[in-house]
Amino acid sequence: MYDELCLLSGRANPQLATEIASYLGITLGAVDLSDFPDGEISCRLDQNVRGRDVFLIQPTGPSVNNNLMELLILIDTCRRASAARITTVIPYFGYARQDRKDMGRVPITAKLVANLITKAGADRVLAMDLHAAQIQGFFDCPVDHLYASPIIDDYFRSLNLSKDQLVVVSPDEGSIKRSLQHLDHLGGSLAIVDKRRANALETRQENLIGGPIEGKVAVIFDDMITTAGSMVGAVNVVRNYGASKIYVGATHAVLCGNAPARLREAGIEEIVVTNSLPLSPAQQLPNIRQVSVAPLLGEAIRRIHRNESVSYLFD
């Protein structure tokens, strides 16, 4: 349907893009990205993309605004260079938490960002573990939504944790569905932390629903760790209820501000995250383990290019 597949990357996570290219057995496309003295982004393609099926790899994590703007400029560059189809591969979608009006006079920024991406010229979006699944409907183009849970669960299975001693913990009521998916793959029992949000930055965790958890191994799953306040609060509740060991699993390691210090002091056995976002030296804690989603994204890209089923990856 299209000429040769072309894989391009912004500067948000070039290592992941390189791994995806290696999985596909192709060379990463040449893009010259730089900044003007005033902070404007300069972009030039150093190869021909006319008539080609282009995939742009750019998570919009920190610095969110710079990486989002760079993605929009990359889309526009490829559109004006006559690419036949442009698919944006966004392993981490920034602004996803602003997906509804939960009070008066606030924006729905996730919808705004979706509009910007489609208006810039994206024909398709490939995302992974969106903070809210309904964000798929914000785009006026097809969206393929991937889940990293099988890859994270494979790692925990490799630890040979006893199902009789395992408790899958949801850090709040909103993550129960995700936790149930992990429970189906790993076995064990389910517990839920009662989380109450005080404001945008502070949460309180006091009670545990379900269990019992005393003397058992707890694995707490969430889609992202940002400030680590909610996660460390859940860890403390689980410890207070008597868990012998505590593991943490999350797709996106955003780890803003004091998050690395909080996690370092929390007494967690292992923190398992994916490479949807790169880890800075300060974020590379001794107990953090990064599992690669490059094979998952690479296979999805291959299937989209060949017009094959992507949902088959999770059947």
C-alpha atoms as a PDB file:
ATOM      1  CA  MET A   1       0.000   0.000   0.000  1.00  0.00           C
ATOM      2  CA  TYR A   2       2.897   2.344   0.831  1.00  0.00           C
ATOM      3  CA  ASP A   3       6.500   2.520  -0.202  1.00  0.00           C
ATOM      4  CA  GLU A   4       9.234   1.459   2.205  1.00  0.00           C
ATOM      5  CA  LEU A   5       8.676   1.954   5.932  1.00  0.00           C
ATOM      6  CA  CYS A   6      10.542   4.929   7.392  1.00  0.00           C
ATOM      7  CA  LEU A   7      11.313   5.252  11.096  1.00  0.00           C
ATOM      8  CA  LEU A   8      12.186   8.686  12.493  1.00  0.00           C
ATOM      9  CA  SER A   9      12.858   9.836  16.043  1.00  0.00           C
ATOM     10  CA  GLY A  10      12.777  13.075  17.969  1.00  0.00           C
ATOM     11  CA  ARG A  11      15.123  13.787  20.847  1.00  0.00           C
ATOM     12  CA  ALA A  12      12.825  12.620  23.665  1.00  0.00           C
ATOM     13  CA  ASN A  13      13.961   8.966  23.713  1.00  0.00           C
ATOM     14  CA  PRO A  14      16.448   8.164  20.928  1.00  0.00           C
ATOM     15  CA  GLN A  15      17.636   4.966  22.654  1.00  0.00           C
ATOM     16  CA  LEU A  16      14.148   3.434  22.457  1.00  0.00           C
ATOM     17  CA  ALA A  17      13.906   4.450  18.784  1.00  0.00           C
ATOM     18  CA  THR A  18      17.248   2.757  18.098  1.00  0.00           C
ATOM     19  CA  GLU A  19      16.039  -0.455  19.768  1.00  0.00           C
ATOM     20  CA  ILE A  20      12.814  -0.408  17.723  1.00  0.00           C
ATOM     21  CA  ALA A  21      14.795   0.072  14.501  1.00  0.00           C
ATOM     22  CA  SER A  22      17.048  -2.837  15.484  1.00  0.00           C
ATOM     23  CA  TYR A  23      13.997  -5.047  16.128  1.00  0.00           C
ATOM     24  CA  LEU A  24      12.597  -4.177  12.697  1.00  0.00           C
ATOM     25  CA  GLY A  25      15.973  -4.680  11.027  1.00  0.00           C
ATOM     26  CA  ILE A  26      16.017  -1.203   9.492  1.00  0.00           C
ATOM     27  CA  THR A  27      18.111   1.924   9.900  1.00  0.00           C
ATOM     28  CA  LEU A  28      16.726   4.844  11.852  1.00  0.00           C
ATOM     29  CA  GLY A  29      16.022   7.764   9.517  1.00  0.00           C
ATOM     30  CA  ALA A  30      18.274  10.812   9.506  1.00  0.00           C
ATOM     31  CA  VAL A  31      16.797  13.933  11.122  1.00  0.00           C
ATOM     32  CA  ASP A  32      18.686  17.106  11.961  1.00  0.00           C
ATOM     33  CA  LEU A  33      17.131  18.623  15.101  1.00  0.00           C
ATOM     34  CA  SER A  34      18.613  21.598  16.912  1.00  0.00           C
ATOM     35  CA  ASP A  35      17.608  24.696  18.858  1.00  0.00           C
ATOM     36  CA  PHE A  36      17.898  28.328  17.876  1.00  0.00           C
ATOM     37  CA  PRO A  37      19.384  30.689  20.501  1.00  0.00           C
ATOM     38  CA  ASP A  38      15.898  31.825  21.513  1.00  0.00           C
ATOM     39  CA  GLY A  39      14.716  28.253  22.106  1.00  0.00           C
ATOM     40  CA  GLU A  40      12.865  27.671  18.831  1.00  0.00           C
ATOM     41  CA  ILE A  41      13.253  24.170  17.405  1.00  0.00           C
ATOM     42  CA  SER A  42      14.868  23.656  14.007  1.00  0.00           C
ATOM     43  CA  CYS A  43      14.114  20.496  12.018  1.00  0.00           C
ATOM     44  CA  ARG A  44      15.368  19.186   8.689  1.00  0.00           C
ATOM     45  CA  LEU A  45      15.017  15.716   7.197  1.00  0.00           C
ATOM     46  CA  ASP A  46      18.262  14.398   5.763  1.00  0.00           C
ATOM     47  CA  GLN A  47      16.509  11.803   3.626  1.00  0.00           C
ATOM     48  CA  ASN A  48      13.615  11.468   1.214  1.00  0.00           C
ATOM     49  CA  VAL A  49      10.239  10.506   2.710  1.00  0.00           C
ATOM     50  CA  ARG A  50       8.071  11.184  -0.347  1.00  0.00           C
ATOM     51  CA  GLY A  51       5.414   8.486  -0.691  1.00  0.00           C
ATOM     52  CA  ARG A  52       6.715   6.572   2.332  1.00  0.00           C
ATOM     53  CA  ASP A  53       4.988   5.180   5.416  1.00  0.00           C
ATOM     54  CA  VAL A  54       6.548   7.296   8.174  1.00  0.00           C
ATOM     55  CA  PHE A  55       6.533   6.465  11.885  1.00  0.00           C
ATOM     56  CA  LEU A  56       7.615   9.256  14.263  1.00  0.00           C
ATOM     57  CA  ILE A  57       8.799   8.064  17.687  1.00  0.00           C
ATOM     58  CA  GLN A  58       8.465  10.772  20.327  1.00  0.00           C
ATOM     59  CA  PRO A  59       7.122  10.350  23.874  1.00  0.00           C
ATOM     60  CA  THR A  60       5.857  13.658  25.223  1.00  0.00           C
ATOM     61  CA  GLY A  61       7.344  13.294  28.686  1.00  0.00           C
ATOM     62  CA  PRO A  62       9.496  15.824  30.534  1.00  0.00           C
ATOM     63  CA  SER A  63      10.203  18.391  29.245  1.00  0.00           C
ATOM     64  CA  VAL A  64       6.586  17.939  28.118  1.00  0.00           C
ATOM     65  CA  ASN A  65       6.103  21.197  26.221  1.00  0.00           C
ATOM     66  CA  ASN A  66       9.427  20.989  24.352  1.00  0.00           C
ATOM     67  CA  ASN A  67       8.884  17.361  23.361  1.00  0.00           C
ATOM     68  CA  LEU A  68       5.297  18.017  22.277  1.00  0.00           C
ATOM     69  CA  MET A  69       6.327  20.987  20.150  1.00  0.00           C
ATOM     70  CA  GLU A  70       9.136  18.954  18.615  1.00  0.00           C
ATOM     71  CA  LEU A  71       6.638  16.224  17.712  1.00  0.00           C
ATOM     72  CA  LEU A  72       4.334  18.751  16.032  1.00  0.00           C
ATOM     73  CA  ILE A  73       7.257  20.182  14.043  1.00  0.00           C
ATOM     74  CA  LEU A  74       8.341  16.691  12.974  1.00  0.00           C
ATOM     75  CA  ILE A  75       4.800  15.918  11.776  1.00  0.00           C
ATOM     76  CA  ASP A  76       4.628  19.150   9.797  1.00  0.00           C
ATOM     77  CA  THR A  77       8.074  18.526   8.305  1.00  0.00           C
ATOM     78  CA  CYS A  78       7.081  15.064   7.068  1.00  0.00           C
ATOM     79  CA  ARG A  79       3.728  16.299   5.732  1.00  0.00           C
ATOM     80  CA  ARG A  80       5.404  19.073   3.748  1.00  0.00           C
ATOM     81  CA  ALA A  81       7.970  16.547   2.491  1.00  0.00           C
ATOM     82  CA  SER A  82       5.078  14.524   0.945  1.00  0.00           C
ATOM     83  CA  ALA A  83       5.053  11.478   3.235  1.00  0.00           C
ATOM     84  CA  ALA A  84       2.211   9.157   2.214  1.00  0.00           C
ATOM     85  CA  ARG A  85       1.140   8.401   5.804  1.00  0.00           C
ATOM     86  CA  ILE A  86       2.367   9.696   9.154  1.00  0.00           C
ATOM     87  CA  THR A  87       1.947   7.631  12.317  1.00  0.00           C
ATOM     88  CA  THR A  88       2.976   9.216  15.594  1.00  0.00           C
ATOM     89  CA  VAL A  89       4.387   6.666  18.049  1.00  0.00           C
ATOM     90  CA  ILE A  90       3.850   8.198  21.496  1.00  0.00           C
ATOM     91  CA  PRO A  91       4.949   5.679  24.178  1.00  0.00           C
ATOM     92  CA  TYR A  92       4.083   8.228  26.875  1.00  0.00           C
ATOM     93  CA  PHE A  93       1.308  10.766  26.221  1.00  0.00           C
ATOM     94  CA  GLY A  94       1.744  13.993  28.192  1.00  0.00           C
ATOM     95  CA  TYR A  95      -1.242  16.006  29.474  1.00  0.00           C
ATOM     96  CA  ALA A  96      -3.204  12.741  29.776  1.00  0.00           C
ATOM     97  CA  ARG A  97      -4.349  13.510  33.333  1.00  0.00           C
ATOM     98  CA  GLN A  98      -6.254  16.587  32.157  1.00  0.00           C
ATOM     99  CA  ASP A  99      -8.893  14.489  30.395  1.00  0.00           C
ATOM    100  CA  ARG A 100     -12.119  15.981  31.837  1.00  0.00           C
ATOM    101  CA  LYS A 101     -13.612  19.046  33.506  1.00  0.00           C
ATOM    102  CA  ASP A 102     -13.623  18.064  37.162  1.00  0.00           C
ATOM    103  CA  MET A 103     -14.342  21.658  38.230  1.00  0.00           C
ATOM    104  CA  GLY A 104     -15.475  24.889  36.614  1.00  0.00           C
ATOM    105  CA  ARG A 105     -13.320  26.992  34.277  1.00  0.00           C
ATOM    106  CA  VAL A 106     -10.612  24.441  33.528  1.00  0.00           C
ATOM    107  CA  PRO A 107      -9.481  23.091  30.125  1.00  0.00           C
ATOM    108  CA  ILE A 108      -9.587  19.550  28.776  1.00  0.00           C
ATOM    109  CA  THR A 109      -5.946  19.702  27.763  1.00  0.00           C
ATOM    110  CA  ALA A 110      -5.715  16.074  26.628  1.00  0.00           C
ATOM    111  CA  LYS A 111      -8.293  16.885  23.926  1.00  0.00           C
ATOM    112  CA  LEU A 112      -6.404  20.058  22.980  1.00  0.00           C
ATOM    113  CA  VAL A 113      -3.167  18.088  22.510  1.00  0.00           C
ATOM    114  CA  ALA A 114      -5.003  15.442  20.469  1.00  0.00           C
ATOM    115  CA  ASN A 115      -6.355  18.220  18.232  1.00  0.00           C
ATOM    116  CA  LEU A 116      -2.874  19.690  17.793  1.00  0.00           C
ATOM    117  CA  ILE A 117      -1.418  16.332  16.735  1.00  0.00           C
ATOM    118  CA  THR A 118      -4.151  15.586  14.191  1.00  0.00           C
ATOM    119  CA  LYS A 119      -4.241  19.152  12.825  1.00  0.00           C
ATOM    120  CA  ALA A 120      -0.466  19.076  12.391  1.00  0.00           C
ATOM    121  CA  GLY A 121      -0.941  16.190   9.955  1.00  0.00           C
ATOM    122  CA  ALA A 122      -0.806  12.873  11.832  1.00  0.00           C
ATOM    123  CA  ASP A 123      -2.824  10.144  10.091  1.00  0.00           C
ATOM    124  CA  ARG A 124      -2.598   7.633  12.926  1.00  0.00           C
ATOM    125  CA  VAL A 125      -1.493   7.421  16.571  1.00  0.00           C
ATOM    126  CA  LEU A 126       0.222   4.550  18.349  1.00  0.00           C
ATOM    127  CA  ALA A 127       0.176   5.017  22.133  1.00  0.00           C
ATOM    128  CA  MET A 128       0.889   2.878  25.166  1.00  0.00           C
ATOM    129  CA  ASP A 129      -0.897   2.741  28.531  1.00  0.00           C
ATOM    130  CA  LEU A 130      -2.768   6.008  28.277  1.00  0.00           C
ATOM    131  CA  HIS A 131      -3.640   7.373  31.712  1.00  0.00           C
ATOM    132  CA  ALA A 132      -7.322   7.302  30.687  1.00  0.00           C
ATOM    133  CA  ALA A 133      -8.513   4.948  27.936  1.00  0.00           C
ATOM    134  CA  GLN A 134     -11.133   7.426  26.716  1.00  0.00           C
ATOM    135  CA  ILE A 135      -8.343   9.658  25.374  1.00  0.00           C
ATOM    136  CA  GLN A 136      -8.386   7.410  22.299  1.00  0.00           C
ATOM    137  CA  GLY A 137     -11.693   9.056  21.420  1.00  0.00           C
ATOM    138  CA  PHE A 138     -10.161  12.532  21.556  1.00  0.00           C
ATOM    139  CA  PHE A 139      -8.298  11.905  18.296  1.00  0.00           C
ATOM    140  CA  ASP A 140     -10.002  12.372  14.929  1.00  0.00           C
ATOM    141  CA  CYS A 141      -7.829   9.611  13.470  1.00  0.00           C
ATOM    142  CA  PRO A 142      -7.277   5.906  14.227  1.00  0.00           C
ATOM    143  CA  VAL A 143      -5.536   5.133  17.525  1.00  0.00           C
ATOM    144  CA  ASP A 144      -3.803   1.872  18.403  1.00  0.00           C
ATOM    145  CA  HIS A 145      -3.512   1.509  22.177  1.00  0.00           C
ATOM    146  CA  LEU A 146      -0.870  -0.897  23.493  1.00  0.00           C
ATOM    147  CA  TYR A 147      -0.441  -2.330  26.986  1.00  0.00           C
ATOM    148  CA  ALA A 148       2.904  -3.000  28.651  1.00  0.00           C
ATOM    149  CA  SER A 149       1.425  -5.270  31.332  1.00  0.00           C
ATOM    150  CA  PRO A 150       2.426  -8.568  29.612  1.00  0.00           C
ATOM    151  CA  ILE A 151       6.072  -7.446  29.504  1.00  0.00           C
ATOM    152  CA  ILE A 152       6.066  -6.311  33.137  1.00  0.00           C
ATOM    153  CA  ASP A 153       4.283  -9.491  34.214  1.00  0.00           C
ATOM    154  CA  ASP A 154       6.873 -11.612  32.395  1.00  0.00           C
ATOM    155  CA  TYR A 155       9.548 -10.018  34.556  1.00  0.00           C
ATOM    156  CA  PHE A 156       7.662 -10.753  37.775  1.00  0.00           C
ATOM    157  CA  ARG A 157       7.046 -14.325  36.643  1.00  0.00           C
ATOM    158  CA  SER A 158      10.824 -14.694  36.210  1.00  0.00           C
ATOM    159  CA  LEU A 159      11.194 -13.990  39.956  1.00  0.00           C
ATOM    160  CA  ASN A 160       9.243 -17.215  40.695  1.00  0.00           C
ATOM    161  CA  LEU A 161       7.054 -15.593  43.327  1.00  0.00           C
ATOM    162  CA  SER A 162       4.712 -18.082  44.991  1.00  0.00           C
ATOM    163  CA  LYS A 163       1.069 -17.529  44.012  1.00  0.00           C
ATOM    164  CA  ASP A 164       0.004 -18.525  47.535  1.00  0.00           C
ATOM    165  CA  GLN A 165       2.132 -15.731  48.995  1.00  0.00           C
ATOM    166  CA  LEU A 166       1.440 -13.097  46.308  1.00  0.00           C
ATOM    167  CA  VAL A 167      -0.928 -10.151  46.737  1.00  0.00           C
ATOM    168  CA  VAL A 168      -1.545  -7.811  43.777  1.00  0.00           C
ATOM    169  CA  VAL A 169      -2.229  -4.342  45.158  1.00  0.00           C
ATOM    170  CA  SER A 170      -4.127  -1.536  43.441  1.00  0.00           C
ATOM    171  CA  PRO A 171      -2.824   1.853  44.706  1.00  0.00           C
ATOM    172  CA  ASP A 172      -6.325   3.393  44.399  1.00  0.00           C
ATOM    173  CA  GLU A 173      -9.857   2.555  43.296  1.00  0.00           C
ATOM    174  CA  GLY A 174      -9.224   3.858  39.776  1.00  0.00           C
ATOM    175  CA  SER A 175      -6.519   1.261  39.127  1.00  0.00           C
ATOM    176  CA  ILE A 176      -8.577  -1.814  40.034  1.00  0.00           C
ATOM    177  CA  LYS A 177      -9.180  -2.870  36.424  1.00  0.00           C
ATOM    178  CA  ARG A 178      -5.435  -2.702  35.687  1.00  0.00           C
ATOM    179  CA  SER A 179      -4.660  -4.686  38.835  1.00  0.00           C
ATOM    180  CA  LEU A 180      -7.180  -7.367  37.880  1.00  0.00           C
ATOM    181  CA  GLN A 181      -5.372  -7.822  34.546  1.00  0.00           C
ATOM    182  CA  HIS A 182      -2.100  -8.365  36.412  1.00  0.00           C
ATOM    183  CA  LEU A 183      -3.894 -10.719  38.786  1.00  0.00           C
ATOM    184  CA  ASP A 184      -5.076 -12.842  35.839  1.00  0.00           C
ATOM    185  CA  HIS A 185      -1.479 -13.191  34.615  1.00  0.00           C
ATOM    186  CA  LEU A 186       0.301 -13.645  37.950  1.00  0.00           C
ATOM    187  CA  GLY A 187      -2.267 -15.240  40.259  1.00  0.00           C
ATOM    188  CA  GLY A 188      -2.484 -14.491  43.977  1.00  0.00           C
ATOM    189  CA  SER A 189      -5.078 -12.355  45.733  1.00  0.00           C
ATOM    190  CA  LEU A 190      -6.167  -8.722  45.393  1.00  0.00           C
ATOM    191  CA  ALA A 191      -5.968  -5.769  47.788  1.00  0.00           C
ATOM    192  CA  ILE A 192      -6.931  -2.122  47.242  1.00  0.00           C
ATOM    193  CA  VAL A 193      -5.458   0.950  48.934  1.00  0.00           C
ATOM    194  CA  ASP A 194      -8.007   3.570  49.957  1.00  0.00           C
ATOM    195  CA  LYS A 195      -6.549   6.794  48.510  1.00  0.00           C
ATOM    196  CA  ARG A 196      -8.004  10.248  49.083  1.00  0.00           C
ATOM    197  CA  ARG A 197      -6.629  13.190  47.083  1.00  0.00           C
ATOM    198  CA  ALA A 198      -6.189  16.388  49.098  1.00  0.00           C
ATOM    199  CA  ASN A 199      -5.075  18.512  46.134  1.00  0.00           C
ATOM    200  CA  ALA A 200      -3.126  18.197  42.868  1.00  0.00           C
ATOM    201  CA  LEU A 201       0.095  17.449  44.764  1.00  0.00           C
ATOM    202  CA  GLU A 202      -0.986  15.636  47.934  1.00  0.00           C
ATOM    203  CA  THR A 203      -2.808  12.385  48.602  1.00  0.00           C
ATOM    204  CA  ARG A 204      -3.632  10.409  51.748  1.00  0.00           C
ATOM    205  CA  GLN A 205      -3.578   6.624  52.004  1.00  0.00           C
ATOM    206  CA  GLU A 206      -4.788   5.095  55.247  1.00  0.00           C
ATOM    207  CA  ASN A 207      -6.718   1.841  54.767  1.00  0.00           C
ATOM    208  CA  LEU A 208      -6.369  -1.415  52.880  1.00  0.00           C
ATOM    209  CA  ILE A 209      -9.350  -3.251  51.400  1.00  0.00           C
ATOM    210  CA  GLY A 210      -9.024  -6.967  50.769  1.00  0.00           C
ATOM    211  CA  GLY A 211      -6.046  -9.121  51.583  1.00  0.00           C
ATOM    212  CA  PRO A 212      -5.012 -10.556  53.984  1.00  0.00           C
ATOM    213  CA  ILE A 213      -1.498  -9.296  53.329  1.00  0.00           C
ATOM    214  CA  GLU A 214       0.410  -9.993  56.550  1.00  0.00           C
ATOM    215  CA  GLY A 215       3.557 -12.009  55.889  1.00  0.00           C
ATOM    216  CA  LYS A 216       2.947 -12.026  52.125  1.00  0.00           C
ATOM    217  CA  VAL A 217       4.663 -10.522  49.078  1.00  0.00           C
ATOM    218  CA  ALA A 218       2.894  -7.424  47.753  1.00  0.00           C
ATOM    219  CA  VAL A 219       3.216  -6.129  44.181  1.00  0.00           C
ATOM    220  CA  ILE A 220       1.767  -2.648  43.618  1.00  0.00           C
ATOM    221  CA  PHE A 221       0.918  -1.752  40.013  1.00  0.00           C
ATOM    222  CA  ASP A 222       0.209   1.655  38.485  1.00  0.00           C
ATOM    223  CA  ASP A 223       0.403   3.168  34.999  1.00  0.00           C
ATOM    224  CA  MET A 224       2.956   5.843  35.979  1.00  0.00           C
ATOM    225  CA  ILE A 225       5.068   7.123  38.834  1.00  0.00           C
ATOM    226  CA  THR A 226       5.317  10.912  38.731  1.00  0.00           C
ATOM    227  CA  THR A 227       6.043  12.474  42.123  1.00  0.00           C
ATOM    228  CA  ALA A 228       5.925   9.016  43.799  1.00  0.00           C
ATOM    229  CA  GLY A 229       3.686  10.449  46.531  1.00  0.00           C
ATOM    230  CA  SER A 230       0.783   8.085  45.819  1.00  0.00           C
ATOM    231  CA  MET A 231       3.051   5.089  45.288  1.00  0.00           C
ATOM    232  CA  VAL A 232       5.105   5.602  48.456  1.00  0.00           C
ATOM    233  CA  GLY A 233       1.870   6.216  50.382  1.00  0.00           C
ATOM    234  CA  ALA A 234       0.555   2.862  49.121  1.00  0.00           C
ATOM    235  CA  VAL A 235       3.869   1.199  50.018  1.00  0.00           C
ATOM    236  CA  ASN A 236       3.620   2.530  53.573  1.00  0.00           C
ATOM    237  CA  VAL A 237       0.041   1.281  53.977  1.00  0.00           C
ATOM    238  CA  VAL A 238       0.964  -2.174  52.688  1.00  0.00           C
ATOM    239  CA  ARG A 239       3.971  -2.307  55.020  1.00  0.00           C
ATOM    240  CA  ASN A 240       1.838  -1.234  57.988  1.00  0.00           C
ATOM    241  CA  TYR A 241      -0.516  -4.136  57.213  1.00  0.00           C
ATOM    242  CA  GLY A 242       2.402  -6.564  57.519  1.00  0.00           C
ATOM    243  CA  ALA A 243       3.690  -7.361  53.994  1.00  0.00           C
ATOM    244  CA  SER A 244       7.040  -9.164  54.137  1.00  0.00           C
ATOM    245  CA  LYS A 245       8.308  -7.835  50.786  1.00  0.00           C
ATOM    246  CA  ILE A 246       7.026  -5.063  48.532  1.00  0.00           C
ATOM    247  CA  TYR A 247       7.554  -4.765  44.774  1.00  0.00           C
ATOM    248  CA  VAL A 248       6.377  -1.976  42.490  1.00  0.00           C
ATOM    249  CA  GLY A 249       5.509  -2.132  38.776  1.00  0.00           C
ATOM    250  CA  ALA A 250       4.678   0.796  36.482  1.00  0.00           C
ATOM    251  CA  THR A 251       4.764   1.484  32.763  1.00  0.00           C
ATOM    252  CA  HIS A 252       5.972   5.095  32.789  1.00  0.00           C
ATOM    253  CA  ALA A 253       8.794   6.263  35.064  1.00  0.00           C
ATOM    254  CA  VAL A 254       8.189  10.029  34.959  1.00  0.00           C
ATOM    255  CA  LEU A 255       9.903  10.499  38.353  1.00  0.00           C
ATOM    256  CA  CYS A 256       9.635  14.268  38.782  1.00  0.00           C
ATOM    257  CA  GLY A 257      11.170  16.373  41.549  1.00  0.00           C
ATOM    258  CA  ASN A 258      11.840  14.404  44.741  1.00  0.00           C
ATOM    259  CA  ALA A 259      10.437  11.138  43.367  1.00  0.00           C
ATOM    260  CA  PRO A 260      13.841   9.339  43.187  1.00  0.00           C
ATOM    261  CA  ALA A 261      14.625  10.289  46.800  1.00  0.00           C
ATOM    262  CA  ARG A 262      11.162   9.170  47.974  1.00  0.00           C
ATOM    263  CA  LEU A 263      11.504   5.821  46.227  1.00  0.00           C
ATOM    264  CA  ARG A 264      15.059   5.335  47.487  1.00  0.00           C
ATOM    265  CA  GLU A 265      13.905   5.713  51.082  1.00  0.00           C
ATOM    266  CA  ALA A 266      10.703   3.660  50.754  1.00  0.00           C
ATOM    267  CA  GLY A 267      12.264   0.239  51.315  1.00  0.00           C
ATOM    268  CA  ILE A 268      10.956  -1.275  48.081  1.00  0.00           C
ATOM    269  CA  GLU A 269      12.446  -4.585  46.984  1.00  0.00           C
ATOM    270  CA  GLU A 270      12.382  -3.759  43.255  1.00  0.00           C
ATOM    271  CA  ILE A 271      10.791  -1.071  41.080  1.00  0.00           C
ATOM    272  CA  VAL A 272      10.013  -2.434  37.609  1.00  0.00           C
ATOM    273  CA  VAL A 273       9.362   0.136  34.861  1.00  0.00           C
ATOM    274  CA  THR A 274       9.582   0.219  31.064  1.00  0.00           C
ATOM    275  CA  ASN A 275      11.824   2.324  28.837  1.00  0.00           C
ATOM    276  CA  SER A 276       8.891   4.353  27.471  1.00  0.00           C
ATOM    277  CA  LEU A 277      10.785   7.277  29.001  1.00  0.00           C
ATOM    278  CA  PRO A 278      14.557   7.508  29.470  1.00  0.00           C
ATOM    279  CA  LEU A 279      16.016   7.497  32.979  1.00  0.00           C
ATOM    280  CA  SER A 280      18.454  10.237  33.912  1.00  0.00           C
ATOM    281  CA  PRO A 281      21.481   9.313  36.071  1.00  0.00           C
ATOM    282  CA  ALA A 282      19.664  10.667  39.149  1.00  0.00           C
ATOM    283  CA  GLN A 283      16.675   8.398  38.418  1.00  0.00           C
ATOM    284  CA  GLN A 284      18.698   5.188  38.035  1.00  0.00           C
ATOM    285  CA  LEU A 285      18.191   3.830  41.534  1.00  0.00           C
ATOM    286  CA  PRO A 286      19.942   0.613  42.651  1.00  0.00           C
ATOM    287  CA  ASN A 287      16.616  -1.235  42.867  1.00  0.00           C
ATOM    288  CA  ILE A 288      15.025   0.052  39.643  1.00  0.00           C
ATOM    289  CA  ARG A 289      14.718  -2.372  36.715  1.00  0.00           C
ATOM    290  CA  GLN A 290      13.880  -1.189  33.197  1.00  0.00           C
ATOM    291  CA  VAL A 291      12.239  -3.665  30.815  1.00  0.00           C
ATOM    292  CA  SER A 292      12.170  -2.840  27.116  1.00  0.00           C
ATOM    293  CA  VAL A 293       8.948  -2.232  25.181  1.00  0.00           C
ATOM    294  CA  ALA A 294      10.875  -1.945  21.893  1.00  0.00           C
ATOM    295  CA  PRO A 295       9.772  -5.431  20.672  1.00  0.00           C
ATOM    296  CA  LEU A 296       6.117  -4.605  21.455  1.00  0.00           C
ATOM    297  CA  LEU A 297       6.235  -1.228  19.695  1.00  0.00           C
ATOM    298  CA  GLY A 298       8.296  -2.642  16.844  1.00  0.00           C
ATOM    299  CA  GLU A 299       5.842  -5.456  16.183  1.00  0.00           C
ATOM    300  CA  ALA A 300       2.914  -3.026  16.317  1.00  0.00           C
ATOM    301  CA  ILE A 301       4.679  -0.787  13.786  1.00  0.00           C
ATOM    302  CA  ARG A 302       5.305  -3.781  11.518  1.00  0.00           C
ATOM    303  CA  ARG A 303       1.643  -4.794  11.691  1.00  0.00           C
ATOM    304  CA  ILE A 304       0.351  -1.273  11.045  1.00  0.00           C
ATOM    305  CA  HIS A 305       2.650  -0.962   8.032  1.00  0.00           C
ATOM    306  CA  ARG A 306       1.382  -4.290   6.659  1.00  0.00           C
ATOM    307  CA  ASN A 307      -2.271  -3.490   7.516  1.00  0.00           C
ATOM    308  CA  GLU A 308      -2.439  -6.424   9.918  1.00  0.00           C
ATOM    309  CA  SER A 309      -4.234  -6.705  13.252  1.00  0.00           C
ATOM    310  CA  VAL A 310      -2.580  -4.978  16.200  1.00  0.00           C
ATOM    311  CA  SER A 311      -5.040  -6.350  18.779  1.00  0.00           C
ATOM    312  CA  TYR A 312      -3.677  -9.805  17.868  1.00  0.00           C
ATOM    313  CA  LEU A 313      -0.671  -8.941  20.049  1.00  0.00           C
ATOM    314  CA  PHE A 314      -2.890  -9.241  23.136  1.00  0.00           C
ATOM    315  CA  ASP A 315      -5.139 -12.137  22.112  1.00  0.00           C
END
